[in-house]
PDB file of N, CA and C in Angstrom:
ATOM      1  N   MET A   1       0.450  -1.487  -0.032  1.00  0.00           N
ATOM      2  CA  MET A   1       0.271  -0.483  -0.119  1.00  0.00           C
ATOM      3  C   MET A   1       0.577   1.522   0.057  1.00  0.00           C
ATOM      4  N   LEU A   2       0.247   2.345  -0.542  1.00  0.00           N
ATOM      5  CA  LEU A   2       0.817   3.619  -0.800  1.00  0.00           C
ATOM      6  C   LEU A   2       0.791   4.096   0.598  1.00  0.00           C
ATOM      7  N   GLU A   3       2.268   5.158   1.019  1.00  0.00           N
ATOM      8  CA  GLU A   3       1.950   5.791   2.333  1.00  0.00           C
ATOM      9  C   GLU A   3       1.408   6.923   1.263  1.00  0.00           C
ATOM     10  N   PRO A   4       0.961   8.145   2.266  1.00  0.00           N
ATOM     11  CA  PRO A   4       0.631   9.111   1.947  1.00  0.00           C
ATOM     12  C   PRO A   4       2.025  10.288   2.584  1.00  0.00           C
ATOM     13  N   ASP A   5       1.663  11.489   1.659  1.00  0.00           N
ATOM     14  CA  ASP A   5       3.099  11.981   2.409  1.00  0.00           C
ATOM     15  C   ASP A   5       2.845  13.108   2.674  1.00  0.00           C
ATOM     16  N   PRO A   6       4.189  13.103   4.441  1.00  0.00           N
ATOM     17  CA  PRO A   6       3.824  13.494   5.741  1.00  0.00           C
ATOM     18  C   PRO A   6       3.284  14.798   5.309  1.00  0.00           C
ATOM     19  N   LYS A   7       3.592  15.631   4.453  1.00  0.00           N
ATOM     20  CA  LYS A   7       3.613  16.776   4.452  1.00  0.00           C
ATOM     21  C   LYS A   7       2.181  17.280   4.525  1.00  0.00           C
ATOM     22  N   ALA A   8       1.567  16.633   2.854  1.00  0.00           N
ATOM     23  CA  ALA A   8       0.409  16.167   2.840  1.00  0.00           C
ATOM     24  C   ALA A   8      -0.867  16.056   3.780  1.00  0.00           C
ATOM     25  N   VAL A   9      -0.034  14.958   4.850  1.00  0.00           N
ATOM     26  CA  VAL A   9      -0.967  14.511   5.810  1.00  0.00           C
ATOM     27  C   VAL A   9      -1.386  15.704   6.982  1.00  0.00           C
ATOM     28  N   ARG A  10      -0.389  16.020   7.390  1.00  0.00           N
ATOM     29  CA  ARG A  10       0.496  17.380   8.376  1.00  0.00           C
ATOM     30  C   ARG A  10      -1.060  18.489   8.134  1.00  0.00           C
ATOM     31  N   GLU A  11      -0.537  19.542   6.930  1.00  0.00           N
ATOM     32  CA  GLU A  11      -1.692  19.998   5.776  1.00  0.00           C
ATOM     33  C   GLU A  11      -3.169  20.283   6.266  1.00  0.00           C
ATOM     34  N   LEU A  12      -3.387  18.258   6.181  1.00  0.00           N
ATOM     35  CA  LEU A  12      -4.978  18.332   6.269  1.00  0.00           C
ATOM     36  C   LEU A  12      -5.448  18.845   7.689  1.00  0.00           C
ATOM     37  N   LEU A  13      -4.727  17.700   8.190  1.00  0.00           N
ATOM     38  CA  LEU A  13      -4.964  17.183   9.556  1.00  0.00           C
ATOM     39  C   LEU A  13      -5.085  19.045  10.417  1.00  0.00           C
ATOM     40  N   THR A  14      -4.183  19.763   9.872  1.00  0.00           N
ATOM     41  CA  THR A  14      -4.240  22.012  10.387  1.00  0.00           C
ATOM     42  C   THR A  14      -5.976  22.519   9.784  1.00  0.00           C
ATOM     43  N   ARG A  15      -5.695  21.786   8.609  1.00  0.00           N
ATOM     44  CA  ARG A  15      -7.095  22.285   7.850  1.00  0.00           C
ATOM     45  C   ARG A  15      -8.134  21.959   8.624  1.00  0.00           C
ATOM     46  N   TYR A  16      -8.437  20.306   8.908  1.00  0.00           N
ATOM     47  CA  TYR A  16      -9.532  19.498   9.780  1.00  0.00           C
ATOM     48  C   TYR A  16      -9.476  20.551  10.791  1.00  0.00           C
ATOM     49  N   ALA A  17      -7.873  20.598  11.659  1.00  0.00           N
ATOM     50  CA  ALA A  17      -8.623  21.451  12.946  1.00  0.00           C
ATOM     51  C   ALA A  17      -9.130  22.541  13.361  1.00  0.00           C
ATOM     52  N   SER A  18      -8.538  23.451  12.376  1.00  0.00           N
ATOM     53  CA  SER A  18      -9.475  24.556  12.238  1.00  0.00           C
ATOM     54  C   SER A  18     -10.109  24.902  11.743  1.00  0.00           C
ATOM     55  N   LEU A  19     -11.252  23.670  10.937  1.00  0.00           N
ATOM     56  CA  LEU A  19     -11.999  23.851  10.691  1.00  0.00           C
ATOM     57  C   LEU A  19     -13.532  23.053  11.889  1.00  0.00           C
ATOM     58  N   ARG A  20     -12.737  22.222  12.478  1.00  0.00           N
ATOM     59  CA  ARG A  20     -13.466  21.998  13.832  1.00  0.00           C
ATOM     60  C   ARG A  20     -13.649  22.723  14.513  1.00  0.00           C
ATOM     61  N   ILE A  21     -12.312  23.619  14.909  1.00  0.00           N
ATOM     62  CA  ILE A  21     -13.052  24.806  15.800  1.00  0.00           C
ATOM     63  C   ILE A  21     -13.133  26.195  15.526  1.00  0.00           C
ATOM     64  N   ASP A  22     -13.655  26.572  13.809  1.00  0.00           N
ATOM     65  CA  ASP A  22     -14.362  27.261  13.211  1.00  0.00           C
ATOM     66  C   ASP A  22     -16.266  27.183  13.452  1.00  0.00           C
ATOM     67  N   GLN A  23     -16.393  25.339  13.196  1.00  0.00           N
ATOM     68  CA  GLN A  23     -17.724  24.998  13.192  1.00  0.00           C
ATOM     69  C   GLN A  23     -18.010  25.156  14.574  1.00  0.00           C
ATOM     70  N   ALA A  24     -17.500  24.892  15.295  1.00  0.00           N
ATOM     71  CA  ALA A  24     -17.874  24.921  16.983  1.00  0.00           C
ATOM     72  C   ALA A  24     -18.193  26.392  17.184  1.00  0.00           C
ATOM     73  N   GLU A  25     -16.886  27.305  16.784  1.00  0.00           N
ATOM     74  CA  GLU A  25     -17.478  28.581  17.267  1.00  0.00           C
ATOM     75  C   GLU A  25     -18.789  29.600  16.661  1.00  0.00           C
ATOM     76  N   ARG A  26     -18.801  28.852  15.344  1.00  0.00           N
ATOM     77  CA  ARG A  26     -19.588  30.252  14.736  1.00  0.00           C
ATOM     78  C   ARG A  26     -20.253  29.013  14.080  1.00  0.00           C
ATOM     79  N   PRO A  27     -21.434  27.883  13.683  1.00  0.00           N
ATOM     80  CA  PRO A  27     -21.703  27.394  12.990  1.00  0.00           C
ATOM     81  C   PRO A  27     -22.192  27.499  11.522  1.00  0.00           C
ATOM     82  N   ARG A  28     -21.569  27.323  10.549  1.00  0.00           N
ATOM     83  CA  ARG A  28     -22.448  27.977   9.362  1.00  0.00           C
ATOM     84  C   ARG A  28     -22.110  26.540   7.948  1.00  0.00           C
ATOM     85  N   GLN A  29     -23.107  26.377   7.197  1.00  0.00           N
ATOM     86  CA  GLN A  29     -22.926  25.151   6.788  1.00  0.00           C
ATOM     87  C   GLN A  29     -21.917  25.491   4.968  1.00  0.00           C
ATOM     88  N   THR A  30     -21.589  26.585   5.138  1.00  0.00           N
ATOM     89  CA  THR A  30     -20.145  26.439   4.285  1.00  0.00           C
ATOM     90  C   THR A  30     -19.035  25.324   5.372  1.00  0.00           C
ATOM     91  N   THR A  31     -19.066  25.507   5.855  1.00  0.00           N
ATOM     92  CA  THR A  31     -17.978  25.518   7.412  1.00  0.00           C
ATOM     93  C   THR A  31     -17.815  24.135   7.168  1.00  0.00           C
ATOM     94  N   ALA A  32     -19.498  23.651   7.570  1.00  0.00           N
ATOM     95  CA  ALA A  32     -19.743  22.442   7.579  1.00  0.00           C
ATOM     96  C   ALA A  32     -19.586  21.264   6.079  1.00  0.00           C
ATOM     97  N   ARG A  33     -19.819  22.122   4.729  1.00  0.00           N
ATOM     98  CA  ARG A  33     -19.284  21.051   4.100  1.00  0.00           C
ATOM     99  C   ARG A  33     -18.206  21.088   3.894  1.00  0.00           C
ATOM    100  N   GLU A  34     -17.707  22.007   4.187  1.00  0.00           N
ATOM    101  CA  GLU A  34     -16.000  22.130   4.216  1.00  0.00           C
ATOM    102  C   GLU A  34     -15.606  21.331   4.585  1.00  0.00           C
ATOM    103  N   LEU A  35     -15.875  21.127   5.988  1.00  0.00           N
ATOM    104  CA  LEU A  35     -15.539  20.197   7.264  1.00  0.00           C
ATOM    105  C   LEU A  35     -15.579  18.378   6.436  1.00  0.00           C
ATOM    106  N   ALA A  36     -16.949  17.899   6.096  1.00  0.00           N
ATOM    107  CA  ALA A  36     -17.395  17.371   5.747  1.00  0.00           C
ATOM    108  C   ALA A  36     -15.767  16.810   4.314  1.00  0.00           C
ATOM    109  N   ASP A  37     -15.846  17.607   3.669  1.00  0.00           N
ATOM    110  CA  ASP A  37     -15.022  17.282   2.282  1.00  0.00           C
ATOM    111  C   ASP A  37     -13.774  16.698   3.267  1.00  0.00           C
ATOM    112  N   VAL A  38     -13.042  17.883   4.005  1.00  0.00           N
ATOM    113  CA  VAL A  38     -12.066  17.760   4.323  1.00  0.00           C
ATOM    114  C   VAL A  38     -11.522  16.334   5.194  1.00  0.00           C
ATOM    115  N   SER A  39     -12.741  15.316   5.909  1.00  0.00           N
ATOM    116  CA  SER A  39     -13.379  14.750   6.369  1.00  0.00           C
ATOM    117  C   SER A  39     -13.072  13.644   5.552  1.00  0.00           C
ATOM    118  N   TYR A  40     -13.526  13.547   4.868  1.00  0.00           N
ATOM    119  CA  TYR A  40     -13.663  12.375   3.398  1.00  0.00           C
ATOM    120  C   TYR A  40     -11.983  12.156   3.114  1.00  0.00           C
ATOM    121  N   THR A  41     -11.445  13.396   2.903  1.00  0.00           N
ATOM    122  CA  THR A  41      -9.749  13.125   2.159  1.00  0.00           C
ATOM    123  C   THR A  41      -9.433  12.522   2.985  1.00  0.00           C
ATOM    124  N   LEU A  42      -9.522  12.953   4.155  1.00  0.00           N
ATOM    125  CA  LEU A  42      -9.338  12.418   5.360  1.00  0.00           C
ATOM    126  C   LEU A  42      -8.780  10.747   5.607  1.00  0.00           C
ATOM    127  N   CYS A  43     -10.405  10.577   5.569  1.00  0.00           N
ATOM    128  CA  CYS A  43     -10.315   9.241   5.573  1.00  0.00           C
ATOM    129  C   CYS A  43      -9.661   8.381   4.226  1.00  0.00           C
ATOM    130  N   VAL A  44      -9.783   8.893   3.023  1.00  0.00           N
ATOM    131  CA  VAL A  44      -9.607   8.166   2.079  1.00  0.00           C
ATOM    132  C   VAL A  44      -7.695   7.913   2.471  1.00  0.00           C
ATOM    133  N   MET A  45      -6.933   9.410   2.260  1.00  0.00           N
ATOM    134  CA  MET A  45      -5.930   9.303   2.168  1.00  0.00           C
ATOM    135  C   MET A  45      -5.020   8.347   3.530  1.00  0.00           C
ATOM    136  N   MET A  46      -5.984   7.902   4.475  1.00  0.00           N
ATOM    137  CA  MET A  46      -5.503   7.067   5.869  1.00  0.00           C
ATOM    138  C   MET A  46      -6.570   5.888   5.113  1.00  0.00           C
ATOM    139  N   ALA A  47      -6.607   5.838   4.673  1.00  0.00           N
ATOM    140  CA  ALA A  47      -7.812   4.018   3.961  1.00  0.00           C
ATOM    141  C   ALA A  47      -8.472   3.726   5.431  1.00  0.00           C
ATOM    142  N   THR A  48      -9.023   4.055   6.049  1.00  0.00           N
ATOM    143  CA  THR A  48     -10.251   4.228   7.012  1.00  0.00           C
ATOM    144  C   THR A  48     -11.719   4.874   6.312  1.00  0.00           C
ATOM    145  N   THR A  49     -12.805   4.382   7.308  1.00  0.00           N
ATOM    146  CA  THR A  49     -14.164   4.767   7.115  1.00  0.00           C
ATOM    147  C   THR A  49     -14.213   6.373   8.571  1.00  0.00           C
ATOM    148  N   SER A  50     -13.198   5.851   9.733  1.00  0.00           N
ATOM    149  CA  SER A  50     -13.741   6.617  10.457  1.00  0.00           C
ATOM    150  C   SER A  50     -12.978   8.153  10.498  1.00  0.00           C
ATOM    151  N   VAL A  51     -13.975   9.267  11.148  1.00  0.00           N
ATOM    152  CA  VAL A  51     -12.579  10.275  10.712  1.00  0.00           C
ATOM    153  C   VAL A  51     -11.519  10.140  12.360  1.00  0.00           C
ATOM    154  N   HIS A  52     -12.306   9.657  13.123  1.00  0.00           N
ATOM    155  CA  HIS A  52     -11.712   9.793  14.515  1.00  0.00           C
ATOM    156  C   HIS A  52      -9.894   8.555  13.781  1.00  0.00           C
ATOM    157  N   ASP A  53     -10.672   7.270  13.596  1.00  0.00           N
ATOM    158  CA  ASP A  53      -9.429   6.084  13.109  1.00  0.00           C
ATOM    159  C   ASP A  53      -8.568   6.876  12.257  1.00  0.00           C
ATOM    160  N   ALA A  54      -8.667   7.780  11.116  1.00  0.00           N
ATOM    161  CA  ALA A  54      -8.056   8.660  10.381  1.00  0.00           C
ATOM    162  C   ALA A  54      -7.606   9.412  11.182  1.00  0.00           C
ATOM    163  N   VAL A  55      -7.523  10.313  12.164  1.00  0.00           N
ATOM    164  CA  VAL A  55      -7.356  11.085  12.644  1.00  0.00           C
ATOM    165  C   VAL A  55      -5.441  10.921  13.337  1.00  0.00           C
ATOM    166  N   ALA A  56      -6.080   9.399  14.475  1.00  0.00           N
ATOM    167  CA  ALA A  56      -5.199   8.107  15.075  1.00  0.00           C
ATOM    168  C   ALA A  56      -3.999   7.966  14.124  1.00  0.00           C
ATOM    169  N   LYS A  57      -4.307   7.687  13.295  1.00  0.00           N
ATOM    170  CA  LYS A  57      -3.731   6.787  12.111  1.00  0.00           C
ATOM    171  C   LYS A  57      -2.927   7.993  11.397  1.00  0.00           C
ATOM    172  N   ALA A  58      -3.133   9.502  11.096  1.00  0.00           N
ATOM    173  CA  ALA A  58      -1.863  10.339  10.993  1.00  0.00           C
ATOM    174  C   ALA A  58      -1.316  10.569  11.597  1.00  0.00           C
ATOM    175  N   ASP A  59      -1.849  10.902  12.817  1.00  0.00           N
ATOM    176  CA  ASP A  59      -0.871  11.385  14.298  1.00  0.00           C
ATOM    177  C   ASP A  59      -0.145  10.195  13.722  1.00  0.00           C
ATOM    178  N   ALA A  60      -0.156   8.551  14.253  1.00  0.00           N
ATOM    179  CA  ALA A  60       0.479   7.817  14.524  1.00  0.00           C
ATOM    180  C   ALA A  60       1.624   7.813  13.302  1.00  0.00           C
ATOM    181  N   LEU A  61       1.356   7.820  11.949  1.00  0.00           N
ATOM    182  CA  LEU A  61       2.204   8.160  11.238  1.00  0.00           C
ATOM    183  C   LEU A  61       3.437   9.220  10.852  1.00  0.00           C
ATOM    184  N   LEU A  62       3.233  10.380  11.180  1.00  0.00           N
ATOM    185  CA  LEU A  62       3.446  11.684  12.034  1.00  0.00           C
ATOM    186  C   LEU A  62       4.591  11.422  12.507  1.00  0.00           C
ATOM    187  N   LEU A  63       4.422  10.834  13.775  1.00  0.00           N
ATOM    188  CA  LEU A  63       4.719  10.547  14.974  1.00  0.00           C
ATOM    189  C   LEU A  63       6.231   9.522  14.244  1.00  0.00           C
ATOM    190  N   ALA A  64       5.645   8.762  13.563  1.00  0.00           N
ATOM    191  CA  ALA A  64       6.765   7.367  12.850  1.00  0.00           C
ATOM    192  C   ALA A  64       8.076   8.699  11.932  1.00  0.00           C
ATOM    193  N   LYS A  65       6.682   9.553  11.510  1.00  0.00           N
ATOM    194  CA  LYS A  65       8.021   9.960   9.748  1.00  0.00           C
ATOM    195  C   LYS A  65       9.262  11.377  11.501  1.00  0.00           C
ATOM    196  N   GLY A  66       8.489  11.209  12.644  1.00  0.00           N
ATOM    197  CA  GLY A  66       9.492  12.178  13.178  1.00  0.00           C
ATOM    198  C   GLY A  66      10.713  11.949  13.341  1.00  0.00           C
ATOM    199  N   ARG A  67      10.196  10.571  13.571  1.00  0.00           N
ATOM    200  CA  ARG A  67      11.223   9.400  14.683  1.00  0.00           C
ATOM    201  C   ARG A  67      12.197   9.036  13.868  1.00  0.00           C
ATOM    202  N   THR A  68      11.793   9.515  12.428  1.00  0.00           N
ATOM    203  CA  THR A  68      13.171   8.748  11.644  1.00  0.00           C
ATOM    204  C   THR A  68      14.003   9.672  10.665  1.00  0.00           C
ATOM    205  N   ALA A  69      13.499  11.075  11.049  1.00  0.00           N
ATOM    206  CA  ALA A  69      13.980  11.725  10.408  1.00  0.00           C
ATOM    207  C   ALA A  69      15.624  12.458  10.570  1.00  0.00           C
ATOM    208  N   PRO A  70      16.696  12.418  10.062  1.00  0.00           N
ATOM    209  CA  PRO A  70      17.385  12.949   9.818  1.00  0.00           C
ATOM    210  C   PRO A  70      17.978  13.871  11.095  1.00  0.00           C
ATOM    211  N   PRO A  71      18.967  13.224  11.575  1.00  0.00           N
ATOM    212  CA  PRO A  71      19.211  13.951  13.003  1.00  0.00           C
ATOM    213  C   PRO A  71      19.752  15.758  12.810  1.00  0.00           C
ATOM    214  N   ALA A  72      19.396  16.194  13.761  1.00  0.00           N
ATOM    215  CA  ALA A  72      19.207  18.246  13.387  1.00  0.00           C
ATOM    216  C   ALA A  72      21.098  18.327  12.903  1.00  0.00           C
ATOM    217  N   ARG A  73      21.587  19.790  12.234  1.00  0.00           N
ATOM    218  CA  ARG A  73      22.611  19.652  12.032  1.00  0.00           C
ATOM    219  C   ARG A  73      23.094  20.416  13.089  1.00  0.00           C
ATOM    220  N   PRO A  74      24.150  20.144  13.743  1.00  0.00           N
ATOM    221  CA  PRO A  74      24.595  20.961  14.893  1.00  0.00           C
ATOM    222  C   PRO A  74      24.270  21.949  14.726  1.00  0.00           C
ATOM    223  N   ALA A  75      24.248  23.262  15.853  1.00  0.00           N
ATOM    224  CA  ALA A  75      24.720  24.964  15.844  1.00  0.00           C
ATOM    225  C   ALA A  75      25.683  24.846  15.360  1.00  0.00           C
ATOM    226  N   GLU A  76      25.603  26.294  14.508  1.00  0.00           N
ATOM    227  CA  GLU A  76      26.443  26.934  13.891  1.00  0.00           C
ATOM    228  C   GLU A  76      27.156  27.807  14.404  1.00  0.00           C
ATOM    229  N   ALA A  77      28.080  28.161  14.275  1.00  0.00           N
ATOM    230  CA  ALA A  77      29.259  28.626  15.334  1.00  0.00           C
ATOM    231  C   ALA A  77      28.857  30.376  15.417  1.00  0.00           C
ATOM    232  N   ASN A  78      28.391  30.373  14.722  1.00  0.00           N
ATOM    233  CA  ASN A  78      27.579  32.187  14.254  1.00  0.00           C
ATOM    234  C   ASN A  78      26.573  32.361  15.545  1.00  0.00           C
ATOM    235  N   GLY A  79      26.322  30.888  16.349  1.00  0.00           N
ATOM    236  CA  GLY A  79      25.150  31.595  17.178  1.00  0.00           C
ATOM    237  C   GLY A  79      23.835  30.758  17.186  1.00  0.00           C
ATOM    238  N   GLU A  80      23.993  30.531  15.838  1.00  0.00           N
ATOM    239  CA  GLU A  80      22.472  29.646  15.323  1.00  0.00           C
ATOM    240  C   GLU A  80      22.227  28.684  16.773  1.00  0.00           C
ATOM    241  N   SER A  81      20.841  28.154  16.975  1.00  0.00           N
ATOM    242  CA  SER A  81      20.420  27.535  17.540  1.00  0.00           C
ATOM    243  C   SER A  81      20.497  25.683  17.193  1.00  0.00           C
ATOM    244  N   GLY A  82      20.196  25.579  16.088  1.00  0.00           N
ATOM    245  CA  GLY A  82      20.111  24.439  14.673  1.00  0.00           C
ATOM    246  C   GLY A  82      18.429  24.086  15.133  1.00  0.00           C
ATOM    247  N   LEU A  83      17.805  24.656  15.824  1.00  0.00           N
ATOM    248  CA  LEU A  83      16.721  24.271  16.486  1.00  0.00           C
ATOM    249  C   LEU A  83      15.616  24.859  15.075  1.00  0.00           C
ATOM    250  N   SER A  84      14.949  23.919  14.130  1.00  0.00           N
ATOM    251  CA  SER A  84      14.198  23.783  12.984  1.00  0.00           C
ATOM    252  C   SER A  84      13.472  24.841  12.894  1.00  0.00           C
ATOM    253  N   LEU A  85      12.767  26.223  12.125  1.00  0.00           N
ATOM    254  CA  LEU A  85      11.633  27.269  12.476  1.00  0.00           C
ATOM    255  C   LEU A  85      10.235  26.573  12.050  1.00  0.00           C
ATOM    256  N   ALA A  86      10.443  24.908  11.389  1.00  0.00           N
ATOM    257  CA  ALA A  86       8.896  24.811  10.957  1.00  0.00           C
ATOM    258  C   ALA A  86       8.529  23.778  12.051  1.00  0.00           C
ATOM    259  N   VAL A  87       7.847  24.459  12.219  1.00  0.00           N
ATOM    260  CA  VAL A  87       6.501  23.585  12.687  1.00  0.00           C
ATOM    261  C   VAL A  87       5.965  22.395  12.650  1.00  0.00           C
TER     262      VAL A  87
END
């Protein structure tokens, strides 16, 4: 089975979370439709039928990919911390 691109999974999870918050704060039909679309896409991407399962699998995928990422470069002599700005 093909594995989804972690960057695409992260973006989809971020969009899903944002839409859930938006819908909880101010329910709107357009947000509900977009949330349904993102939920469906997340389920397809993670090969599940439940959005809760899809989120759990996506989190596990990102966690596993984070563990296998190449080690960070050591801090440079110019005082950089060596920490990535990407989240």
